[in-house]
mmCIF file of all heavy atoms, coordinates in Angstrom:
data_MODEL
# 
_entry.id   MODEL 
# 
loop_
_atom_site.group_PDB 
_atom_site.id 
_atom_site.type_symbol 
_atom_site.label_atom_id 
_atom_site.label_alt_id 
_atom_site.label_comp_id 
_atom_site.label_asym_id 
_atom_site.label_entity_id 
_atom_site.label_seq_id 
_atom_site.pdbx_PDB_ins_code 
_atom_site.Cartn_x 
_atom_site.Cartn_y 
_atom_site.Cartn_z 
_atom_site.occupancy 
_atom_site.B_iso_or_equiv 
_atom_site.pdbx_formal_charge 
_atom_site.auth_seq_id 
_atom_site.auth_comp_id 
_atom_site.auth_asym_id 
_atom_site.auth_atom_id 
_atom_site.pdbx_PDB_model_num 
ATOM 1   N N   . GLY A 1 1  ? 9.342  -2.543  -6.727 1.00 0.00 ? 1  GLY A N   1 
ATOM 2   C CA  . GLY A 1 1  ? 8.433  -2.006  -5.722 1.00 0.00 ? 1  GLY A CA  1 
ATOM 3   C C   . GLY A 1 1  ? 9.160  -1.172  -4.689 1.00 0.00 ? 1  GLY A C   1 
ATOM 4   O O   . GLY A 1 1  ? 10.396 -1.184  -4.590 1.00 0.00 ? 1  GLY A O   1 
ATOM 5   N N   . ALA A 1 2  ? 8.386  -0.436  -3.923 1.00 0.00 ? 2  ALA A N   1 
ATOM 6   C CA  . ALA A 1 2  ? 8.950  0.425   -2.881 1.00 0.00 ? 2  ALA A CA  1 
ATOM 7   C C   . ALA A 1 2  ? 8.038  0.412   -1.677 1.00 0.00 ? 2  ALA A C   1 
ATOM 8   O O   . ALA A 1 2  ? 6.859  0.046   -1.763 1.00 0.00 ? 2  ALA A O   1 
ATOM 9   C CB  . ALA A 1 2  ? 9.129  1.844   -3.406 1.00 0.00 ? 2  ALA A CB  1 
ATOM 10  N N   . GLY A 1 3  ? 8.572  0.825   -0.529 1.00 0.00 ? 3  GLY A N   1 
ATOM 11  C CA  . GLY A 1 3  ? 7.789  0.877   0.694  1.00 0.00 ? 3  GLY A CA  1 
ATOM 12  C C   . GLY A 1 3  ? 8.397  1.862   1.662  1.00 0.00 ? 3  GLY A C   1 
ATOM 13  O O   . GLY A 1 3  ? 9.556  2.272   1.520  1.00 0.00 ? 3  GLY A O   1 
ATOM 14  N N   . SER A 1 4  ? 7.653  2.261   2.655  1.00 0.00 ? 4  SER A N   1 
ATOM 15  C CA  . SER A 1 4  ? 8.150  3.195   3.665  1.00 0.00 ? 4  SER A CA  1 
ATOM 16  C C   . SER A 1 4  ? 7.373  3.005   4.953  1.00 0.00 ? 4  SER A C   1 
ATOM 17  O O   . SER A 1 4  ? 6.368  2.285   4.989  1.00 0.00 ? 4  SER A O   1 
ATOM 18  C CB  . SER A 1 4  ? 8.037  4.626   3.163  1.00 0.00 ? 4  SER A CB  1 
ATOM 19  O OG  . SER A 1 4  ? 6.686  4.933   2.843  1.00 0.00 ? 4  SER A OG  1 
ATOM 20  N N   . THR A 1 5  ? 7.841  3.650   6.016  1.00 0.00 ? 5  THR A N   1 
ATOM 21  C CA  . THR A 1 5  ? 7.213  3.531   7.324  1.00 0.00 ? 5  THR A CA  1 
ATOM 22  C C   . THR A 1 5  ? 6.842  4.911   7.834  1.00 0.00 ? 5  THR A C   1 
ATOM 23  O O   . THR A 1 5  ? 7.238  5.939   7.279  1.00 0.00 ? 5  THR A O   1 
ATOM 24  C CB  . THR A 1 5  ? 8.158  2.868   8.333  1.00 0.00 ? 5  THR A CB  1 
ATOM 25  O OG1 . THR A 1 5  ? 9.200  3.789   8.671  1.00 0.00 ? 5  THR A OG1 1 
ATOM 26  C CG2 . THR A 1 5  ? 8.751  1.591   7.779  1.00 0.00 ? 5  THR A CG2 1 
ATOM 27  N N   . GLN A 1 6  ? 6.122  4.938   8.902  1.00 0.00 ? 6  GLN A N   1 
ATOM 28  C CA  . GLN A 1 6  ? 5.941  6.160   9.668  1.00 0.00 ? 6  GLN A CA  1 
ATOM 29  C C   . GLN A 1 6  ? 7.184  6.363   10.534 1.00 0.00 ? 6  GLN A C   1 
ATOM 30  O O   . GLN A 1 6  ? 8.121  5.565   10.480 1.00 0.00 ? 6  GLN A O   1 
ATOM 31  C CB  . GLN A 1 6  ? 4.698  6.049   10.535 1.00 0.00 ? 6  GLN A CB  1 
ATOM 32  C CG  . GLN A 1 6  ? 4.768  4.903   11.529 1.00 0.00 ? 6  GLN A CG  1 
ATOM 33  C CD  . GLN A 1 6  ? 3.490  4.754   12.330 1.00 0.00 ? 6  GLN A CD  1 
ATOM 34  O OE1 . GLN A 1 6  ? 2.596  5.592   12.214 1.00 0.00 ? 6  GLN A OE1 1 
ATOM 35  N NE2 . GLN A 1 6  ? 3.404  3.730   13.143 1.00 0.00 ? 6  GLN A NE2 1 
ATOM 36  N N   . VAL A 1 7  ? 7.206  7.413   11.325 1.00 0.00 ? 7  VAL A N   1 
ATOM 37  C CA  . VAL A 1 7  ? 8.325  7.634   12.244 1.00 0.00 ? 7  VAL A CA  1 
ATOM 38  C C   . VAL A 1 7  ? 8.346  6.507   13.271 1.00 0.00 ? 7  VAL A C   1 
ATOM 39  O O   . VAL A 1 7  ? 7.344  6.229   13.933 1.00 0.00 ? 7  VAL A O   1 
ATOM 40  C CB  . VAL A 1 7  ? 8.202  9.001   12.947 1.00 0.00 ? 7  VAL A CB  1 
ATOM 41  C CG1 . VAL A 1 7  ? 9.270  9.142   14.035 1.00 0.00 ? 7  VAL A CG1 1 
ATOM 42  C CG2 . VAL A 1 7  ? 8.343  10.125  11.935 1.00 0.00 ? 7  VAL A CG2 1 
ATOM 43  N N   . LEU A 1 8  ? 9.508  5.840   13.345 1.00 0.00 ? 8  LEU A N   1 
ATOM 44  C CA  . LEU A 1 8  ? 9.618  4.656   14.184 1.00 0.00 ? 8  LEU A CA  1 
ATOM 45  C C   . LEU A 1 8  ? 10.295 4.923   15.529 1.00 0.00 ? 8  LEU A C   1 
ATOM 46  O O   . LEU A 1 8  ? 10.123 4.159   16.479 1.00 0.00 ? 8  LEU A O   1 
ATOM 47  C CB  . LEU A 1 8  ? 10.390 3.561   13.437 1.00 0.00 ? 8  LEU A CB  1 
ATOM 48  C CG  . LEU A 1 8  ? 9.763  3.079   12.132 1.00 0.00 ? 8  LEU A CG  1 
ATOM 49  C CD1 . LEU A 1 8  ? 10.663 2.058   11.457 1.00 0.00 ? 8  LEU A CD1 1 
ATOM 50  C CD2 . LEU A 1 8  ? 8.390  2.473   12.390 1.00 0.00 ? 8  LEU A CD2 1 
ATOM 51  N N   . GLY A 1 9  ? 11.115 5.953   15.605 1.00 0.00 ? 9  GLY A N   1 
ATOM 52  C CA  . GLY A 1 9  ? 11.821 6.220   16.852 1.00 0.00 ? 9  GLY A CA  1 
ATOM 53  C C   . GLY A 1 9  ? 12.742 7.413   16.715 1.00 0.00 ? 9  GLY A C   1 
ATOM 54  O O   . GLY A 1 9  ? 12.679 8.188   15.754 1.00 0.00 ? 9  GLY A O   1 
ATOM 55  N N   . GLY A 1 10 ? 13.628 7.545   17.707 1.00 0.00 ? 10 GLY A N   1 
ATOM 56  C CA  . GLY A 1 10 ? 14.568 8.650   17.725 1.00 0.00 ? 10 GLY A CA  1 
ATOM 57  C C   . GLY A 1 10 ? 15.904 8.289   17.139 1.00 0.00 ? 10 GLY A C   1 
ATOM 58  O O   . GLY A 1 10 ? 16.000 7.808   16.017 1.00 0.00 ? 10 GLY A O   1 
ATOM 59  N N   . ASN A 1 11 ? 16.960 8.490   17.943 1.00 0.00 ? 11 ASN A N   1 
ATOM 60  C CA  . ASN A 1 11 ? 18.315 8.222   17.451 1.00 0.00 ? 11 ASN A CA  1 
ATOM 61  C C   . ASN A 1 11 ? 18.641 6.724   17.481 1.00 0.00 ? 11 ASN A C   1 
ATOM 62  O O   . ASN A 1 11 ? 19.227 6.188   16.550 1.00 0.00 ? 11 ASN A O   1 
ATOM 63  C CB  . ASN A 1 11 ? 19.337 8.990   18.285 1.00 0.00 ? 11 ASN A CB  1 
ATOM 64  C CG  . ASN A 1 11 ? 19.202 10.489  18.117 1.00 0.00 ? 11 ASN A CG  1 
ATOM 65  O OD1 . ASN A 1 11 ? 18.599 10.951  17.155 1.00 0.00 ? 11 ASN A OD1 1 
ATOM 66  N ND2 . ASN A 1 11 ? 19.751 11.263  19.058 1.00 0.00 ? 11 ASN A ND2 1 
ATOM 67  N N   . THR A 1 12 ? 18.281 6.073   18.549 1.00 0.00 ? 12 THR A N   1 
ATOM 68  C CA  . THR A 1 12 ? 18.600 4.653   18.728 1.00 0.00 ? 12 THR A CA  1 
ATOM 69  C C   . THR A 1 12 ? 17.372 3.930   19.240 1.00 0.00 ? 12 THR A C   1 
ATOM 70  O O   . THR A 1 12 ? 16.754 4.365   20.217 1.00 0.00 ? 12 THR A O   1 
ATOM 71  C CB  . THR A 1 12 ? 19.763 4.477   19.728 1.00 0.00 ? 12 THR A CB  1 
ATOM 72  O OG1 . THR A 1 12 ? 20.911 5.172   19.231 1.00 0.00 ? 12 THR A OG1 1 
ATOM 73  C CG2 . THR A 1 12 ? 20.097 3.004   19.913 1.00 0.00 ? 12 THR A CG2 1 
ATOM 74  N N   . PHE A 1 13 ? 17.029 2.825   18.588 1.00 0.00 ? 13 PHE A N   1 
ATOM 75  C CA  . PHE A 1 13 ? 15.873 2.035   19.027 1.00 0.00 ? 13 PHE A CA  1 
ATOM 76  C C   . PHE A 1 13 ? 16.008 0.625   18.471 1.00 0.00 ? 13 PHE A C   1 
ATOM 77  O O   . PHE A 1 13 ? 16.826 0.352   17.580 1.00 0.00 ? 13 PHE A O   1 
ATOM 78  C CB  . PHE A 1 13 ? 14.551 2.665   18.586 1.00 0.00 ? 13 PHE A CB  1 
ATOM 79  C CG  . PHE A 1 13 ? 14.490 3.053   17.144 1.00 0.00 ? 13 PHE A CG  1 
ATOM 80  C CD1 . PHE A 1 13 ? 14.013 2.176   16.193 1.00 0.00 ? 13 PHE A CD1 1 
ATOM 81  C CD2 . PHE A 1 13 ? 14.919 4.316   16.729 1.00 0.00 ? 13 PHE A CD2 1 
ATOM 82  C CE1 . PHE A 1 13 ? 13.952 2.540   14.851 1.00 0.00 ? 13 PHE A CE1 1 
ATOM 83  C CE2 . PHE A 1 13 ? 14.858 4.685   15.397 1.00 0.00 ? 13 PHE A CE2 1 
ATOM 84  C CZ  . PHE A 1 13 ? 14.373 3.794   14.455 1.00 0.00 ? 13 PHE A CZ  1 
ATOM 85  N N   . SER A 1 14 ? 15.203 -0.288  19.007 1.00 0.00 ? 14 SER A N   1 
ATOM 86  C CA  . SER A 1 14 ? 15.268 -1.706  18.637 1.00 0.00 ? 14 SER A CA  1 
ATOM 87  C C   . SER A 1 14 ? 13.866 -2.264  18.544 1.00 0.00 ? 14 SER A C   1 
ATOM 88  O O   . SER A 1 14 ? 12.943 -1.803  19.229 1.00 0.00 ? 14 SER A O   1 
ATOM 89  C CB  . SER A 1 14 ? 16.076 -2.487  19.674 1.00 0.00 ? 14 SER A CB  1 
ATOM 90  O OG  . SER A 1 14 ? 16.013 -3.882  19.415 1.00 0.00 ? 14 SER A OG  1 
ATOM 91  N N   . PHE A 1 15 ? 13.738 -3.273  17.695 1.00 0.00 ? 15 PHE A N   1 
ATOM 92  C CA  . PHE A 1 15 ? 12.448 -3.956  17.537 1.00 0.00 ? 15 PHE A CA  1 
ATOM 93  C C   . PHE A 1 15 ? 12.481 -5.375  18.090 1.00 0.00 ? 15 PHE A C   1 
ATOM 94  O O   . PHE A 1 15 ? 11.580 -6.171  17.823 1.00 0.00 ? 15 PHE A O   1 
ATOM 95  C CB  . PHE A 1 15 ? 12.034 -3.984  16.062 1.00 0.00 ? 15 PHE A CB  1 
ATOM 96  C CG  . PHE A 1 15 ? 11.676 -2.631  15.534 1.00 0.00 ? 15 PHE A CG  1 
ATOM 97  C CD1 . PHE A 1 15 ? 12.593 -1.888  14.827 1.00 0.00 ? 15 PHE A CD1 1 
ATOM 98  C CD2 . PHE A 1 15 ? 10.432 -2.093  15.774 1.00 0.00 ? 15 PHE A CD2 1 
ATOM 99  C CE1 . PHE A 1 15 ? 12.270 -0.637  14.346 1.00 0.00 ? 15 PHE A CE1 1 
ATOM 100 C CE2 . PHE A 1 15 ? 10.095 -0.831  15.300 1.00 0.00 ? 15 PHE A CE2 1 
ATOM 101 C CZ  . PHE A 1 15 ? 11.023 -0.097  14.589 1.00 0.00 ? 15 PHE A CZ  1 
ATOM 102 N N   . LYS A 1 16 ? 13.512 -5.704  18.845 1.00 0.00 ? 16 LYS A N   1 
ATOM 103 C CA  . LYS A 1 16 ? 13.578 -7.022  19.458 1.00 0.00 ? 16 LYS A CA  1 
ATOM 104 C C   . LYS A 1 16 ? 12.485 -7.157  20.499 1.00 0.00 ? 16 LYS A C   1 
ATOM 105 O O   . LYS A 1 16 ? 12.130 -6.192  21.170 1.00 0.00 ? 16 LYS A O   1 
ATOM 106 C CB  . LYS A 1 16 ? 14.946 -7.248  20.096 1.00 0.00 ? 16 LYS A CB  1 
ATOM 107 C CG  . LYS A 1 16 ? 16.064 -7.414  19.074 1.00 0.00 ? 16 LYS A CG  1 
ATOM 108 C CD  . LYS A 1 16 ? 17.380 -7.734  19.754 1.00 0.00 ? 16 LYS A CD  1 
ATOM 109 C CE  . LYS A 1 16 ? 18.486 -7.952  18.732 1.00 0.00 ? 16 LYS A CE  1 
ATOM 110 N NZ  . LYS A 1 16 ? 19.783 -8.251  19.370 1.00 0.00 ? 16 LYS A NZ  1 
ATOM 111 N N   . SER A 1 17 ? 11.974 -8.377  20.636 1.00 0.00 ? 17 SER A N   1 
ATOM 112 C CA  . SER A 1 17 ? 10.885 -8.627  21.560 1.00 0.00 ? 17 SER A CA  1 
ATOM 113 C C   . SER A 1 17 ? 11.325 -8.342  22.980 1.00 0.00 ? 17 SER A C   1 
ATOM 114 O O   . SER A 1 17 ? 12.467 -8.575  23.370 1.00 0.00 ? 17 SER A O   1 
ATOM 115 C CB  . SER A 1 17 ? 10.410 -10.082 21.449 1.00 0.00 ? 17 SER A CB  1 
ATOM 116 O OG  . SER A 1 17 ? 9.455  -10.373 22.437 1.00 0.00 ? 17 SER A OG  1 
ATOM 117 N N   . ALA A 1 18 ? 10.362 -7.852  23.770 1.00 0.00 ? 18 ALA A N   1 
ATOM 118 C CA  . ALA A 1 18 ? 10.661 -7.549  25.166 1.00 0.00 ? 18 ALA A CA  1 
ATOM 119 C C   . ALA A 1 18 ? 11.004 -8.801  25.955 1.00 0.00 ? 18 ALA A C   1 
ATOM 120 O O   . ALA A 1 18 ? 11.668 -8.734  26.986 1.00 0.00 ? 18 ALA A O   1 
ATOM 121 C CB  . ALA A 1 18 ? 9.474  -6.838  25.811 1.00 0.00 ? 18 ALA A CB  1 
ATOM 122 N N   . LYS A 1 19 ? 10.574 -9.959  25.431 1.00 0.00 ? 19 LYS A N   1 
ATOM 123 C CA  . LYS A 1 19 ? 10.848 -11.219 26.138 1.00 0.00 ? 19 LYS A CA  1 
ATOM 124 C C   . LYS A 1 19 ? 12.229 -11.759 25.809 1.00 0.00 ? 19 LYS A C   1 
ATOM 125 O O   . LYS A 1 19 ? 12.587 -12.855 26.196 1.00 0.00 ? 19 LYS A O   1 
ATOM 126 C CB  . LYS A 1 19 ? 9.795  -12.268 25.771 1.00 0.00 ? 19 LYS A CB  1 
ATOM 127 C CG  . LYS A 1 19 ? 8.388  -11.894 26.262 1.00 0.00 ? 19 LYS A CG  1 
ATOM 128 C CD  . LYS A 1 19 ? 7.399  -12.998 25.913 1.00 0.00 ? 19 LYS A CD  1 
ATOM 129 C CE  . LYS A 1 19 ? 6.006  -12.643 26.414 1.00 0.00 ? 19 LYS A CE  1 
ATOM 130 N NZ  . LYS A 1 19 ? 5.011  -13.685 26.071 1.00 0.00 ? 19 LYS A NZ  1 
ATOM 131 N N   . ASN A 1 20 ? 13.004 -10.980 25.083 1.00 0.00 ? 20 ASN A N   1 
ATOM 132 C CA  . ASN A 1 20 ? 14.368 -11.376 24.744 1.00 0.00 ? 20 ASN A CA  1 
ATOM 133 C C   . ASN A 1 20 ? 14.440 -12.619 23.866 1.00 0.00 ? 20 ASN A C   1 
ATOM 134 O O   . ASN A 1 20 ? 15.444 -13.319 23.886 1.00 0.00 ? 20 ASN A O   1 
ATOM 135 C CB  . ASN A 1 20 ? 15.184 -11.637 26.016 1.00 0.00 ? 20 ASN A CB  1 
ATOM 136 C CG  . ASN A 1 20 ? 16.293 -10.616 26.176 1.00 0.00 ? 20 ASN A CG  1 
ATOM 137 O OD1 . ASN A 1 20 ? 16.502 -9.804  25.286 1.00 0.00 ? 20 ASN A OD1 1 
ATOM 138 N ND2 . ASN A 1 20 ? 16.976 -10.662 27.290 1.00 0.00 ? 20 ASN A ND2 1 
ATOM 139 N N   . ASN A 1 21 ? 13.409 -12.906 23.164 1.00 0.00 ? 21 ASN A N   1 
ATOM 140 C CA  . ASN A 1 21 ? 13.436 -14.032 22.223 1.00 0.00 ? 21 ASN A CA  1 
ATOM 141 C C   . ASN A 1 21 ? 14.069 -13.545 20.921 1.00 0.00 ? 21 ASN A C   1 
ATOM 142 O O   . ASN A 1 21 ? 13.557 -12.638 20.274 1.00 0.00 ? 21 ASN A O   1 
ATOM 143 C CB  . ASN A 1 21 ? 12.009 -14.532 21.948 1.00 0.00 ? 21 ASN A CB  1 
ATOM 144 C CG  . ASN A 1 21 ? 11.986 -15.801 21.128 1.00 0.00 ? 21 ASN A CG  1 
ATOM 145 O OD1 . ASN A 1 21 ? 12.893 -16.064 20.344 1.00 0.00 ? 21 ASN A OD1 1 
ATOM 146 N ND2 . ASN A 1 21 ? 10.928 -16.591 21.323 1.00 0.00 ? 21 ASN A ND2 1 
ATOM 147 N N   . PRO A 1 22 ? 15.209 -14.113 20.508 1.00 0.00 ? 22 PRO A N   1 
ATOM 148 C CA  . PRO A 1 22 ? 15.903 -13.614 19.309 1.00 0.00 ? 22 PRO A CA  1 
ATOM 149 C C   . PRO A 1 22 ? 15.108 -13.777 18.029 1.00 0.00 ? 22 PRO A C   1 
ATOM 150 O O   . PRO A 1 22 ? 15.422 -13.163 17.015 1.00 0.00 ? 22 PRO A O   1 
ATOM 151 C CB  . PRO A 1 22 ? 17.186 -14.460 19.280 1.00 0.00 ? 22 PRO A CB  1 
ATOM 152 C CG  . PRO A 1 22 ? 16.849 -15.694 20.041 1.00 0.00 ? 22 PRO A CG  1 
ATOM 153 C CD  . PRO A 1 22 ? 15.890 -15.270 21.112 1.00 0.00 ? 22 PRO A CD  1 
ATOM 154 N N   . ASN A 1 23 ? 14.091 -14.608 18.063 1.00 0.00 ? 23 ASN A N   1 
ATOM 155 C CA  . ASN A 1 23 ? 13.299 -14.835 16.855 1.00 0.00 ? 23 ASN A CA  1 
ATOM 156 C C   . ASN A 1 23 ? 11.987 -14.049 16.850 1.00 0.00 ? 23 ASN A C   1 
ATOM 157 O O   . ASN A 1 23 ? 11.165 -14.212 15.949 1.00 0.00 ? 23 ASN A O   1 
ATOM 158 C CB  . ASN A 1 23 ? 12.989 -16.333 16.707 1.00 0.00 ? 23 ASN A CB  1 
ATOM 159 C CG  . ASN A 1 23 ? 14.252 -17.151 16.509 1.00 0.00 ? 23 ASN A CG  1 
ATOM 160 O OD1 . ASN A 1 23 ? 15.139 -16.749 15.768 1.00 0.00 ? 23 ASN A OD1 1 
ATOM 161 N ND2 . ASN A 1 23 ? 14.331 -18.287 17.185 1.00 0.00 ? 23 ASN A ND2 1 
ATOM 162 N N   . LYS A 1 24 ? 11.771 -13.224 17.872 1.00 0.00 ? 24 LYS A N   1 
ATOM 163 C CA  . LYS A 1 24 ? 10.532 -12.457 17.952 1.00 0.00 ? 24 LYS A CA  1 
ATOM 164 C C   . LYS A 1 24 ? 10.849 -10.972 17.895 1.00 0.00 ? 24 LYS A C   1 
ATOM 165 O O   . LYS A 1 24 ? 11.755 -10.487 18.575 1.00 0.00 ? 24 LYS A O   1 
ATOM 166 C CB  . LYS A 1 24 ? 9.772  -12.781 19.245 1.00 0.00 ? 24 LYS A CB  1 
ATOM 167 C CG  . LYS A 1 24 ? 9.159  -14.161 19.266 1.00 0.00 ? 24 LYS A CG  1 
ATOM 168 C CD  . LYS A 1 24 ? 8.287  -14.337 20.473 1.00 0.00 ? 24 LYS A CD  1 
ATOM 169 C CE  . LYS A 1 24 ? 6.836  -14.185 20.117 1.00 0.00 ? 24 LYS A CE  1 
ATOM 170 N NZ  . LYS A 1 24 ? 5.937  -14.457 21.243 1.00 0.00 ? 24 LYS A NZ  1 
ATOM 171 N N   . PHE A 1 25 ? 10.082 -10.264 17.063 1.00 0.00 ? 25 PHE A N   1 
ATOM 172 C CA  . PHE A 1 25 ? 10.280 -8.830  16.886 1.00 0.00 ? 25 PHE A CA  1 
ATOM 173 C C   . PHE A 1 25 ? 8.931  -8.128  16.882 1.00 0.00 ? 25 PHE A C   1 
ATOM 174 O O   . PHE A 1 25 ? 7.907  -8.719  16.527 1.00 0.00 ? 25 PHE A O   1 
ATOM 175 C CB  . PHE A 1 25 ? 11.014 -8.546  15.566 1.00 0.00 ? 25 PHE A CB  1 
ATOM 176 C CG  . PHE A 1 25 ? 12.382 -9.163  15.490 1.00 0.00 ? 25 PHE A CG  1 
ATOM 177 C CD1 . PHE A 1 25 ? 12.552 -10.451 15.014 1.00 0.00 ? 25 PHE A CD1 1 
ATOM 178 C CD2 . PHE A 1 25 ? 13.492 -8.459  15.898 1.00 0.00 ? 25 PHE A CD2 1 
ATOM 179 C CE1 . PHE A 1 25 ? 13.810 -11.026 14.934 1.00 0.00 ? 25 PHE A CE1 1 
ATOM 180 C CE2 . PHE A 1 25 ? 14.762 -9.022  15.830 1.00 0.00 ? 25 PHE A CE2 1 
ATOM 181 C CZ  . PHE A 1 25 ? 14.916 -10.311 15.357 1.00 0.00 ? 25 PHE A CZ  1 
ATOM 182 N N   . ASP A 1 26 ? 8.965  -6.863  17.288 1.00 0.00 ? 26 ASP A N   1 
ATOM 183 C CA  . ASP A 1 26 ? 7.755  -6.056  17.216 1.00 0.00 ? 26 ASP A CA  1 
ATOM 184 C C   . ASP A 1 26 ? 7.413  -5.802  15.746 1.00 0.00 ? 26 ASP A C   1 
ATOM 185 O O   . ASP A 1 26 ? 8.293  -5.622  14.911 1.00 0.00 ? 26 ASP A O   1 
ATOM 186 C CB  . ASP A 1 26 ? 7.967  -4.721  17.935 1.00 0.00 ? 26 ASP A CB  1 
ATOM 187 C CG  . ASP A 1 26 ? 8.207  -4.922  19.434 1.00 0.00 ? 26 ASP A CG  1 
ATOM 188 O OD1 . ASP A 1 26 ? 7.748  -5.954  19.948 1.00 0.00 ? 26 ASP A OD1 1 
ATOM 189 O OD2 . ASP A 1 26 ? 8.847  -4.060  20.056 1.00 0.00 ? 26 ASP A OD2 1 
ATOM 190 N N   . ASN A 1 27 ? 6.125  -5.763  15.464 1.00 0.00 ? 27 ASN A N   1 
ATOM 191 C CA  . ASN A 1 27 ? 5.692  -5.610  14.072 1.00 0.00 ? 27 ASN A CA  1 
ATOM 192 C C   . ASN A 1 27 ? 5.905  -4.207  13.517 1.00 0.00 ? 27 ASN A C   1 
ATOM 193 O O   . ASN A 1 27 ? 5.757  -3.980  12.327 1.00 0.00 ? 27 ASN A O   1 
ATOM 194 C CB  . ASN A 1 27 ? 4.208  -5.989  13.942 1.00 0.00 ? 27 ASN A CB  1 
ATOM 195 C CG  . ASN A 1 27 ? 3.981  -7.476  14.100 1.00 0.00 ? 27 ASN A CG  1 
ATOM 196 O OD1 . ASN A 1 27 ? 4.859  -8.271  13.773 1.00 0.00 ? 27 ASN A OD1 1 
ATOM 197 N ND2 . ASN A 1 27 ? 2.828  -7.851  14.616 1.00 0.00 ? 27 ASN A ND2 1 
# 
């Protein structure tokens, strides 16, 4: 199988939760 995304960001970005929880990420 294969998959892809839309444009997610620029040069540098992160999906870590804003609450700094290491186990939570933006979808």
